[in-house]
Each structure stands twice: as C-alpha cells, then as structure tokens.
Amino acid sequence: MTQHIDFELDREYVELNQLLKLSGLCDSGGQGKLIVASGAVYVDGVQELRKTCKIHAGQTVQWDDLRIHVIAAG
C-alpha cells in the first residue's frame, strides 16, 4: 500500500536529499544522498540520481511505497 505525504514548500525549491530529510524519511541530508544514489527515488515517474536535484511545487517524489506530493505553502 502506497503512503502519501503532502509537503508544503515555503520557498522556490528544495533539494531532493533535503526533501527526504524534511519529510522525516531519513535523519540527515547525507542519508538522503545515499538513498538517491541507490537509484530508488523517482521524480514525476522518472528515476532521479542527482542528489541535489531541485524539486518544485507540483512535483511528485516516490521512494519505495511512499509518495511525496510537493505543494506550494499558503
């Protein structure tokens, strides 16, 4: 079963490894980088290997059975 998280973005973008950290999926940006480097993270359905890829409001990030919808704050 896929779990959904809505992440409110309060700036122009967030780096992918930081999004994983800020969403509570890992304890640090370093761990986030390792997760991305493993090839298990997809952005809008496409595998993403760039650890600091800029994620903007409207994008969806998936890791295993977890889907993060990035939405604009406010």
C-alpha atoms as a PDB file:
ATOM      1  CA  MET A   1       0.000   0.000   0.000  1.00  0.00           C
ATOM      2  CA  THR A   2       1.381   3.373  -1.000  1.00  0.00           C
ATOM      3  CA  GLN A   3       1.663   6.030   1.692  1.00  0.00           C
ATOM      4  CA  HIS A   4       1.103   9.656   0.689  1.00  0.00           C
ATOM      5  CA  ILE A   5       2.714  12.736   2.223  1.00  0.00           C
ATOM      6  CA  ASP A   6       1.889  16.324   1.307  1.00  0.00           C
ATOM      7  CA  PHE A   7       4.976  18.507   1.745  1.00  0.00           C
ATOM      8  CA  GLU A   8       4.354  22.253   1.870  1.00  0.00           C
ATOM      9  CA  LEU A   9       7.140  24.102   0.091  1.00  0.00           C
ATOM     10  CA  ASP A  10       7.736  27.556   1.564  1.00  0.00           C
ATOM     11  CA  ARG A  11      10.410  28.614  -0.958  1.00  0.00           C
ATOM     12  CA  GLU A  12      11.120  28.307  -4.684  1.00  0.00           C
ATOM     13  CA  TYR A  13      12.556  24.786  -4.452  1.00  0.00           C
ATOM     14  CA  VAL A  14      14.050  22.192  -2.115  1.00  0.00           C
ATOM     15  CA  GLU A  15      16.948  19.876  -2.947  1.00  0.00           C
ATOM     16  CA  LEU A  16      15.901  16.242  -3.274  1.00  0.00           C
ATOM     17  CA  ASN A  17      18.118  14.920  -0.459  1.00  0.00           C
ATOM     18  CA  GLN A  18      16.817  17.670   1.856  1.00  0.00           C
ATOM     19  CA  LEU A  19      13.208  16.866   0.931  1.00  0.00           C
ATOM     20  CA  LEU A  20      13.719  13.297   2.138  1.00  0.00           C
ATOM     21  CA  LYS A  21      15.155  14.635   5.404  1.00  0.00           C
ATOM     22  CA  LEU A  22      12.494  17.318   5.933  1.00  0.00           C
ATOM     23  CA  SER A  23       9.743  14.772   5.222  1.00  0.00           C
ATOM     24  CA  GLY A  24      11.076  12.630   8.072  1.00  0.00           C
ATOM     25  CA  LEU A  25      12.191   9.752   5.856  1.00  0.00           C
ATOM     26  CA  CYS A  26      15.813   9.929   6.991  1.00  0.00           C
ATOM     27  CA  ASP A  27      17.819  11.604   9.736  1.00  0.00           C
ATOM     28  CA  SER A  28      20.188  13.707   7.634  1.00  0.00           C
ATOM     29  CA  GLY A  29      20.846  15.151   4.211  1.00  0.00           C
ATOM     30  CA  GLY A  30      23.740  12.709   3.945  1.00  0.00           C
ATOM     31  CA  GLN A  31      21.389   9.768   4.376  1.00  0.00           C
ATOM     32  CA  GLY A  32      19.121  11.377   1.794  1.00  0.00           C
ATOM     33  CA  LYS A  33      22.032  11.493  -0.657  1.00  0.00           C
ATOM     34  CA  LEU A  34      22.669   7.776  -0.144  1.00  0.00           C
ATOM     35  CA  ILE A  35      19.002   6.965  -0.762  1.00  0.00           C
ATOM     36  CA  VAL A  36      19.009   8.965  -4.011  1.00  0.00           C
ATOM     37  CA  ALA A  37      22.330   7.421  -5.108  1.00  0.00           C
ATOM     38  CA  SER A  38      20.844   3.943  -4.645  1.00  0.00           C
ATOM     39  CA  GLY A  39      18.551   4.582  -7.624  1.00  0.00           C
ATOM     40  CA  ALA A  40      15.361   4.035  -5.642  1.00  0.00           C
ATOM     41  CA  VAL A  41      13.982   7.586  -5.926  1.00  0.00           C
ATOM     42  CA  TYR A  42      11.738   8.756  -8.758  1.00  0.00           C
ATOM     43  CA  VAL A  43      10.648  12.309  -9.551  1.00  0.00           C
ATOM     44  CA  ASP A  44       7.464  12.563 -11.620  1.00  0.00           C
ATOM     45  CA  GLY A  45       7.877   8.885 -12.555  1.00  0.00           C
ATOM     46  CA  VAL A  46      11.490   9.179 -13.769  1.00  0.00           C
ATOM     47  CA  GLN A  47      14.465   7.748 -11.845  1.00  0.00           C
ATOM     48  CA  GLU A  48      16.494  10.603 -10.348  1.00  0.00           C
ATOM     49  CA  LEU A  49      20.156  10.117  -9.423  1.00  0.00           C
ATOM     50  CA  ARG A  50      21.057  13.786  -8.861  1.00  0.00           C
ATOM     51  CA  LYS A  51      21.167  14.120  -5.080  1.00  0.00           C
ATOM     52  CA  THR A  52      20.612  17.884  -5.086  1.00  0.00           C
ATOM     53  CA  CYS A  53      18.036  17.954  -7.881  1.00  0.00           C
ATOM     54  CA  LYS A  54      15.761  20.972  -7.390  1.00  0.00           C
ATOM     55  CA  ILE A  55      12.219  19.921  -6.508  1.00  0.00           C
ATOM     56  CA  HIS A  56       9.478  22.496  -7.114  1.00  0.00           C
ATOM     57  CA  ALA A  57       5.825  22.744  -6.076  1.00  0.00           C
ATOM     58  CA  GLY A  58       3.670  20.490  -8.244  1.00  0.00           C
ATOM     59  CA  GLN A  59       6.201  17.670  -8.463  1.00  0.00           C
ATOM     60  CA  THR A  60       5.836  14.180  -7.004  1.00  0.00           C
ATOM     61  CA  VAL A  61       8.687  12.194  -5.472  1.00  0.00           C
ATOM     62  CA  GLN A  62       8.410   8.447  -4.957  1.00  0.00           C
ATOM     63  CA  TRP A  63      10.631   6.176  -2.874  1.00  0.00           C
ATOM     64  CA  ASP A  64       9.539   2.563  -2.453  1.00  0.00           C
ATOM     65  CA  ASP A  65       5.901   2.626  -1.276  1.00  0.00           C
ATOM     66  CA  LEU A  66       5.991   6.296  -0.305  1.00  0.00           C
ATOM     67  CA  ARG A  67       4.814   9.168  -2.469  1.00  0.00           C
ATOM     68  CA  ILE A  68       5.517  12.808  -1.584  1.00  0.00           C
ATOM     69  CA  HIS A  69       3.393  15.480  -3.243  1.00  0.00           C
ATOM     70  CA  VAL A  70       5.166  18.834  -3.111  1.00  0.00           C
ATOM     71  CA  ILE A  71       2.659  21.656  -2.803  1.00  0.00           C
ATOM     72  CA  ALA A  72       3.060  25.409  -2.530  1.00  0.00           C
ATOM     73  CA  ALA A  73       2.631  26.727   1.015  1.00  0.00           C
ATOM     74  CA  GLY A  74      -0.184  29.122   1.726  1.00  0.00           C
END
